């Protein structure tokens, strides 16, 4: 599936916010929202989080099988498709238990990222303002 740059950015940002929500104690306790915690990060802090997740999520998103996506819908993949893609990207240099844990965690992370992919827009329905 060919994702647009905007779709990949939205997916990665959604995954980063979910990781931040799991890490930030004030978000877990309900004292502030995930968006407030995200806004509270410095630009370098956001970069570090996105960079670390990008190495794990982006290669899998790019390697997912091609599916047709109708305008107005999101791309959908089965858990088996995501798991198979993650397994081929993880590699064999890890021990059996560590590899199994890594695959499970990465599958969950990719599924969170896929949930944050925006709805596909119809490229033929783009409206260009008259002043352009």
N, C-alpha and C. Protein backbone atom coordinates (compact mmCIF):
# COMPACT_ATOMS: atom_id res chain seq x y z
N UNK A 1 0.86 -1.17 0.00
CA UNK A 1 0.00 0.00 0.00
C UNK A 1 0.89 1.21 0.00
N UNK A 2 0.58 2.11 -0.81
CA UNK A 2 1.36 3.35 -0.87
C UNK A 2 0.66 4.41 -0.02
N UNK A 3 1.29 4.74 1.09
CA UNK A 3 0.77 5.79 1.95
C UNK A 3 1.33 7.12 1.48
N UNK A 4 0.55 8.18 1.67
CA UNK A 4 1.06 9.51 1.39
C UNK A 4 1.93 9.96 2.57
N UNK A 5 2.69 11.00 2.35
CA UNK A 5 3.53 11.53 3.43
C UNK A 5 2.68 11.99 4.61
N UNK A 6 1.54 12.60 4.31
CA UNK A 6 0.65 13.05 5.38
C UNK A 6 0.11 11.87 6.18
N UNK A 7 -0.26 10.79 5.50
CA UNK A 7 -0.79 9.61 6.20
C UNK A 7 0.28 8.98 7.08
N UNK A 8 1.50 8.88 6.59
CA UNK A 8 2.58 8.31 7.40
C UNK A 8 2.89 9.19 8.61
N UNK A 9 2.87 10.50 8.40
CA UNK A 9 3.13 11.42 9.52
C UNK A 9 2.03 11.32 10.57
N UNK A 10 0.78 11.27 10.15
CA UNK A 10 -0.33 11.14 11.09
C UNK A 10 -0.26 9.81 11.84
N UNK A 11 0.09 8.74 11.14
CA UNK A 11 0.20 7.43 11.78
C UNK A 11 1.31 7.41 12.81
N UNK A 12 2.46 7.94 12.46
CA UNK A 12 3.59 7.97 13.38
C UNK A 12 3.32 8.87 14.58
N UNK A 13 2.69 10.00 14.35
CA UNK A 13 2.35 10.91 15.46
C UNK A 13 1.34 10.26 16.39
N UNK A 14 0.36 9.56 15.84
CA UNK A 14 -0.62 8.85 16.67
C UNK A 14 0.03 7.77 17.52
N UNK A 15 0.96 7.03 16.93
CA UNK A 15 1.68 6.01 17.69
C UNK A 15 2.54 6.66 18.78
N UNK A 16 3.18 7.78 18.46
CA UNK A 16 4.02 8.47 19.44
C UNK A 16 3.18 8.98 20.61
N UNK A 17 1.99 9.49 20.31
CA UNK A 17 1.13 9.98 21.40
C UNK A 17 0.66 8.83 22.29
N UNK A 18 0.42 7.66 21.71
CA UNK A 18 0.00 6.53 22.53
C UNK A 18 1.14 6.04 23.43
N UNK A 19 2.37 6.08 22.91
CA UNK A 19 3.54 5.71 23.72
C UNK A 19 3.74 6.75 24.82
N UNK A 20 3.57 8.02 24.48
CA UNK A 20 3.70 9.08 25.47
C UNK A 20 2.65 8.93 26.57
N UNK A 21 1.42 8.55 26.18
CA UNK A 21 0.36 8.35 27.17
C UNK A 21 0.71 7.20 28.12
N UNK A 22 1.37 6.19 27.60
CA UNK A 22 1.75 5.06 28.45
C UNK A 22 2.92 5.41 29.37
N UNK A 23 3.77 6.33 28.93
CA UNK A 23 4.95 6.71 29.71
C UNK A 23 4.67 7.79 30.73
N UNK A 24 3.78 8.71 30.43
CA UNK A 24 3.55 9.89 31.26
C UNK A 24 2.58 9.56 32.39
N UNK A 25 3.06 9.68 33.61
CA UNK A 25 2.26 9.33 34.78
C UNK A 25 1.06 10.26 34.94
N UNK A 26 1.22 11.54 34.62
CA UNK A 26 0.10 12.48 34.79
C UNK A 26 -1.02 12.19 33.79
N UNK A 27 -0.68 11.66 32.62
CA UNK A 27 -1.70 11.29 31.64
C UNK A 27 -2.42 10.03 32.10
N UNK A 28 -1.66 9.06 32.59
CA UNK A 28 -2.27 7.81 33.07
C UNK A 28 -3.22 8.05 34.23
N UNK A 29 -2.90 9.03 35.09
CA UNK A 29 -3.75 9.32 36.24
C UNK A 29 -4.90 10.26 35.90
N UNK A 30 -4.90 10.77 34.66
CA UNK A 30 -5.99 11.64 34.21
C UNK A 30 -5.84 13.09 34.60
N UNK A 31 -4.65 13.49 35.03
CA UNK A 31 -4.43 14.88 35.43
C UNK A 31 -4.30 15.82 34.24
N UNK A 32 -3.87 15.28 33.09
CA UNK A 32 -3.81 16.06 31.86
C UNK A 32 -4.01 15.13 30.66
N UNK A 33 -4.35 15.75 29.55
CA UNK A 33 -4.63 14.95 28.36
C UNK A 33 -3.34 14.62 27.61
N UNK A 34 -3.45 13.71 26.67
CA UNK A 34 -2.30 13.33 25.86
C UNK A 34 -1.83 14.52 25.04
N UNK A 35 -2.78 15.30 24.51
CA UNK A 35 -2.40 16.47 23.71
C UNK A 35 -1.65 17.51 24.55
N UNK A 36 -2.05 17.67 25.81
CA UNK A 36 -1.33 18.59 26.69
C UNK A 36 0.09 18.09 26.95
N UNK A 37 0.23 16.79 27.14
CA UNK A 37 1.56 16.22 27.36
C UNK A 37 2.40 16.36 26.09
N UNK A 38 1.78 16.17 24.93
CA UNK A 38 2.49 16.30 23.65
C UNK A 38 2.95 17.75 23.46
N UNK A 39 2.07 18.69 23.76
CA UNK A 39 2.43 20.11 23.65
C UNK A 39 3.50 20.51 24.65
N UNK A 40 3.56 19.80 25.78
CA UNK A 40 4.56 20.09 26.80
C UNK A 40 5.96 19.61 26.45
N UNK A 41 6.07 18.73 25.46
CA UNK A 41 7.39 18.26 25.03
C UNK A 41 8.11 19.35 24.25
N UNK A 42 9.41 19.38 24.37
CA UNK A 42 10.20 20.28 23.54
C UNK A 42 10.25 19.70 22.13
N UNK A 43 10.67 20.52 21.19
CA UNK A 43 10.80 20.02 19.82
C UNK A 43 11.80 18.87 19.75
N UNK A 44 12.86 18.96 20.51
CA UNK A 44 13.85 17.90 20.52
C UNK A 44 13.28 16.63 21.16
N UNK A 45 12.46 16.80 22.19
CA UNK A 45 11.82 15.65 22.83
C UNK A 45 10.88 14.93 21.87
N UNK A 46 10.12 15.70 21.09
CA UNK A 46 9.25 15.11 20.07
C UNK A 46 10.07 14.39 19.02
N UNK A 47 11.17 15.03 18.60
CA UNK A 47 12.03 14.42 17.60
C UNK A 47 12.57 13.07 18.09
N UNK A 48 13.04 13.03 19.32
CA UNK A 48 13.59 11.79 19.86
C UNK A 48 12.54 10.69 19.88
N UNK A 49 11.33 11.02 20.29
CA UNK A 49 10.25 10.03 20.35
C UNK A 49 9.88 9.56 18.96
N UNK A 50 9.70 10.49 18.03
CA UNK A 50 9.33 10.13 16.67
C UNK A 50 10.45 9.36 15.96
N UNK A 51 11.69 9.74 16.21
CA UNK A 51 12.82 9.06 15.58
C UNK A 51 12.93 7.61 16.04
N UNK A 52 12.76 7.40 17.32
CA UNK A 52 12.82 6.03 17.85
C UNK A 52 11.70 5.15 17.33
N UNK A 53 10.51 5.72 17.22
CA UNK A 53 9.38 4.94 16.72
C UNK A 53 9.42 4.78 15.20
N UNK A 54 9.98 5.77 14.52
CA UNK A 54 10.03 5.72 13.07
C UNK A 54 10.82 4.52 12.56
N UNK A 55 11.88 4.15 13.25
CA UNK A 55 12.68 2.99 12.85
C UNK A 55 11.90 1.69 13.00
N UNK A 56 10.91 1.68 13.87
CA UNK A 56 10.13 0.48 14.11
C UNK A 56 8.86 0.42 13.27
N UNK A 57 8.20 1.55 13.07
CA UNK A 57 6.88 1.57 12.45
C UNK A 57 6.94 1.80 10.94
N UNK A 58 7.72 2.76 10.49
CA UNK A 58 7.71 3.14 9.08
C UNK A 58 8.10 2.00 8.12
N UNK A 59 9.15 1.22 8.41
CA UNK A 59 9.46 0.12 7.48
C UNK A 59 8.32 -0.89 7.35
N UNK A 60 7.59 -1.11 8.42
CA UNK A 60 6.47 -2.05 8.38
C UNK A 60 5.32 -1.46 7.57
N UNK A 61 5.01 -0.18 7.78
CA UNK A 61 3.92 0.45 7.04
C UNK A 61 4.21 0.45 5.54
N UNK A 62 5.45 0.70 5.17
CA UNK A 62 5.82 0.72 3.76
C UNK A 62 5.76 -0.68 3.14
N UNK A 63 6.07 -1.72 3.94
CA UNK A 63 6.13 -3.08 3.42
C UNK A 63 4.78 -3.81 3.45
N UNK A 64 3.75 -3.20 3.99
CA UNK A 64 2.43 -3.86 4.03
C UNK A 64 1.96 -4.14 2.61
N UNK A 65 1.17 -5.20 2.43
CA UNK A 65 0.72 -5.55 1.08
C UNK A 65 -0.20 -4.48 0.49
N UNK A 66 -0.23 -4.44 -0.83
CA UNK A 66 -1.08 -3.47 -1.53
C UNK A 66 -2.54 -3.83 -1.37
N UNK A 67 -3.34 -2.87 -0.96
CA UNK A 67 -4.78 -3.03 -0.87
C UNK A 67 -5.43 -1.81 -1.51
N UNK A 68 -6.58 -2.02 -2.07
CA UNK A 68 -7.33 -0.92 -2.66
C UNK A 68 -8.05 -0.17 -1.54
N UNK A 69 -7.94 1.14 -1.55
CA UNK A 69 -8.60 1.97 -0.54
C UNK A 69 -9.54 2.91 -1.26
N UNK A 70 -10.81 2.76 -0.97
CA UNK A 70 -11.81 3.63 -1.55
C UNK A 70 -11.73 5.00 -0.89
N UNK A 71 -11.97 6.07 -1.64
CA UNK A 71 -12.00 7.40 -1.02
C UNK A 71 -13.07 7.45 0.09
N UNK A 72 -12.71 8.09 1.18
CA UNK A 72 -13.62 8.19 2.32
C UNK A 72 -13.46 7.05 3.32
N UNK A 73 -12.50 6.15 3.08
CA UNK A 73 -12.25 5.05 4.01
C UNK A 73 -10.77 5.02 4.40
N UNK A 74 -10.47 4.22 5.39
CA UNK A 74 -9.09 4.01 5.82
C UNK A 74 -8.61 2.67 5.29
N UNK A 75 -7.32 2.52 5.11
CA UNK A 75 -6.82 1.19 4.72
C UNK A 75 -6.98 0.22 5.88
N UNK A 76 -7.36 -0.99 5.57
CA UNK A 76 -7.52 -2.01 6.61
C UNK A 76 -6.65 -3.21 6.26
N UNK A 77 -6.05 -3.77 7.28
CA UNK A 77 -5.19 -4.94 7.13
C UNK A 77 -5.57 -5.93 8.22
N UNK A 78 -5.47 -7.21 7.89
CA UNK A 78 -5.74 -8.24 8.89
C UNK A 78 -4.57 -8.32 9.86
N UNK A 79 -4.81 -8.92 10.99
CA UNK A 79 -3.73 -9.08 11.97
C UNK A 79 -2.65 -10.00 11.42
N UNK A 80 -3.04 -10.98 10.61
CA UNK A 80 -2.07 -11.88 10.01
C UNK A 80 -1.15 -11.15 9.04
N UNK A 81 -1.71 -10.21 8.26
CA UNK A 81 -0.89 -9.43 7.33
C UNK A 81 0.11 -8.57 8.08
N UNK A 82 -0.35 -7.91 9.14
CA UNK A 82 0.54 -7.05 9.93
C UNK A 82 1.61 -7.90 10.62
N UNK A 83 1.21 -9.02 11.20
CA UNK A 83 2.16 -9.89 11.91
C UNK A 83 3.22 -10.44 10.96
N UNK A 84 2.80 -10.89 9.78
CA UNK A 84 3.76 -11.43 8.81
C UNK A 84 4.76 -10.36 8.37
N UNK A 85 4.27 -9.14 8.16
CA UNK A 85 5.16 -8.06 7.74
C UNK A 85 6.13 -7.69 8.86
N UNK A 86 5.65 -7.64 10.09
CA UNK A 86 6.52 -7.34 11.22
C UNK A 86 7.57 -8.43 11.39
N UNK A 87 7.17 -9.70 11.27
CA UNK A 87 8.11 -10.80 11.45
C UNK A 87 9.24 -10.76 10.43
N UNK A 88 8.93 -10.39 9.20
CA UNK A 88 10.00 -10.33 8.20
C UNK A 88 10.92 -9.14 8.42
N UNK A 89 10.43 -8.08 9.07
CA UNK A 89 11.26 -6.90 9.32
C UNK A 89 12.08 -7.00 10.60
N UNK A 90 11.66 -7.85 11.54
CA UNK A 90 12.36 -7.93 12.83
C UNK A 90 13.72 -8.58 12.67
N UNK A 91 13.83 -9.62 11.88
CA UNK A 91 15.12 -10.29 11.71
C UNK A 91 15.25 -11.48 12.64
N UNK A 92 16.33 -12.22 12.44
CA UNK A 92 16.54 -13.46 13.19
C UNK A 92 17.67 -13.37 14.20
N UNK A 93 18.22 -12.19 14.43
CA UNK A 93 19.37 -12.07 15.31
C UNK A 93 18.99 -12.05 16.79
N UNK A 94 17.70 -12.08 17.10
CA UNK A 94 17.25 -12.08 18.49
C UNK A 94 16.98 -13.51 18.95
N UNK A 95 17.00 -13.72 20.24
CA UNK A 95 16.62 -15.02 20.78
C UNK A 95 15.14 -15.27 20.55
N UNK A 96 14.72 -16.50 20.74
CA UNK A 96 13.33 -16.86 20.45
C UNK A 96 12.33 -16.08 21.30
N UNK A 97 12.57 -15.98 22.57
CA UNK A 97 11.64 -15.27 23.46
C UNK A 97 11.66 -13.77 23.20
N UNK A 98 12.85 -13.19 23.06
CA UNK A 98 12.96 -11.76 22.80
C UNK A 98 12.31 -11.40 21.46
N UNK A 99 12.49 -12.28 20.47
CA UNK A 99 11.89 -12.04 19.15
C UNK A 99 10.37 -12.07 19.24
N UNK A 100 9.82 -13.02 19.99
CA UNK A 100 8.37 -13.13 20.14
C UNK A 100 7.80 -11.89 20.82
N UNK A 101 8.47 -11.41 21.84
CA UNK A 101 8.01 -10.21 22.55
C UNK A 101 8.11 -8.99 21.64
N UNK A 102 9.21 -8.88 20.90
CA UNK A 102 9.40 -7.76 19.99
C UNK A 102 8.34 -7.75 18.91
N UNK A 103 8.02 -8.91 18.36
CA UNK A 103 7.00 -9.00 17.32
C UNK A 103 5.65 -8.59 17.87
N UNK A 104 5.27 -9.09 19.04
CA UNK A 104 3.97 -8.73 19.64
C UNK A 104 3.88 -7.23 19.89
N UNK A 105 4.93 -6.65 20.46
CA UNK A 105 4.91 -5.22 20.77
C UNK A 105 4.86 -4.39 19.50
N UNK A 106 5.61 -4.79 18.50
CA UNK A 106 5.65 -4.02 17.26
C UNK A 106 4.33 -4.15 16.49
N UNK A 107 3.71 -5.32 16.54
CA UNK A 107 2.39 -5.48 15.90
C UNK A 107 1.38 -4.55 16.56
N UNK A 108 1.40 -4.49 17.88
CA UNK A 108 0.48 -3.59 18.58
C UNK A 108 0.75 -2.13 18.22
N UNK A 109 2.01 -1.76 18.12
CA UNK A 109 2.38 -0.40 17.77
C UNK A 109 1.95 -0.05 16.35
N UNK A 110 2.15 -0.97 15.42
CA UNK A 110 1.74 -0.74 14.03
C UNK A 110 0.22 -0.64 13.93
N UNK A 111 -0.50 -1.44 14.69
CA UNK A 111 -1.96 -1.36 14.66
C UNK A 111 -2.46 -0.03 15.22
N UNK A 112 -1.79 0.49 16.23
CA UNK A 112 -2.14 1.82 16.74
C UNK A 112 -1.86 2.86 15.67
N UNK A 113 -0.73 2.73 15.00
CA UNK A 113 -0.39 3.68 13.92
C UNK A 113 -1.42 3.61 12.80
N UNK A 114 -1.83 2.41 12.43
CA UNK A 114 -2.84 2.26 11.37
C UNK A 114 -4.18 2.86 11.77
N UNK A 115 -4.49 2.82 13.05
CA UNK A 115 -5.74 3.41 13.52
C UNK A 115 -5.73 4.93 13.40
N UNK A 116 -4.54 5.53 13.35
CA UNK A 116 -4.42 6.98 13.25
C UNK A 116 -4.21 7.48 11.82
N UNK A 117 -4.22 6.56 10.85
CA UNK A 117 -4.11 6.99 9.46
C UNK A 117 -5.40 7.72 9.10
N UNK A 118 -5.31 8.93 8.55
CA UNK A 118 -6.53 9.67 8.22
C UNK A 118 -7.29 9.00 7.08
N UNK A 119 -8.54 9.38 6.97
CA UNK A 119 -9.41 8.87 5.91
C UNK A 119 -8.85 9.30 4.56
N UNK A 120 -8.82 8.37 3.62
CA UNK A 120 -8.29 8.66 2.27
C UNK A 120 -9.21 9.62 1.55
N UNK A 121 -8.64 10.67 1.00
CA UNK A 121 -9.40 11.67 0.26
C UNK A 121 -9.46 11.29 -1.21
N UNK A 122 -10.50 11.72 -1.90
CA UNK A 122 -10.66 11.48 -3.33
C UNK A 122 -9.82 12.50 -4.08
N UNK A 123 -8.78 12.08 -4.80
CA UNK A 123 -7.92 13.05 -5.49
C UNK A 123 -8.64 13.77 -6.63
N UNK A 124 -9.71 13.18 -7.15
CA UNK A 124 -10.45 13.83 -8.24
C UNK A 124 -11.40 14.89 -7.72
N UNK A 125 -11.67 14.88 -6.40
CA UNK A 125 -12.63 15.82 -5.83
C UNK A 125 -11.94 17.02 -5.18
N UNK A 126 -10.66 17.20 -5.45
CA UNK A 126 -9.96 18.35 -4.88
C UNK A 126 -10.52 19.64 -5.46
N UNK A 127 -10.75 20.58 -4.60
CA UNK A 127 -11.30 21.86 -5.02
C UNK A 127 -10.17 22.87 -4.98
N UNK A 128 -9.91 23.49 -6.10
CA UNK A 128 -8.86 24.49 -6.18
C UNK A 128 -9.56 25.86 -6.17
N UNK A 129 -9.17 26.72 -5.24
CA UNK A 129 -9.80 28.06 -5.19
C UNK A 129 -9.57 28.82 -6.51
N UNK A 130 -10.49 29.72 -6.83
CA UNK A 130 -10.43 30.48 -8.08
C UNK A 130 -9.23 31.43 -8.13
N UNK A 131 -8.77 31.89 -6.95
CA UNK A 131 -7.70 32.86 -6.95
C UNK A 131 -6.32 32.25 -7.25
N UNK A 132 -6.26 30.92 -7.40
CA UNK A 132 -4.96 30.28 -7.71
C UNK A 132 -4.79 30.16 -9.17
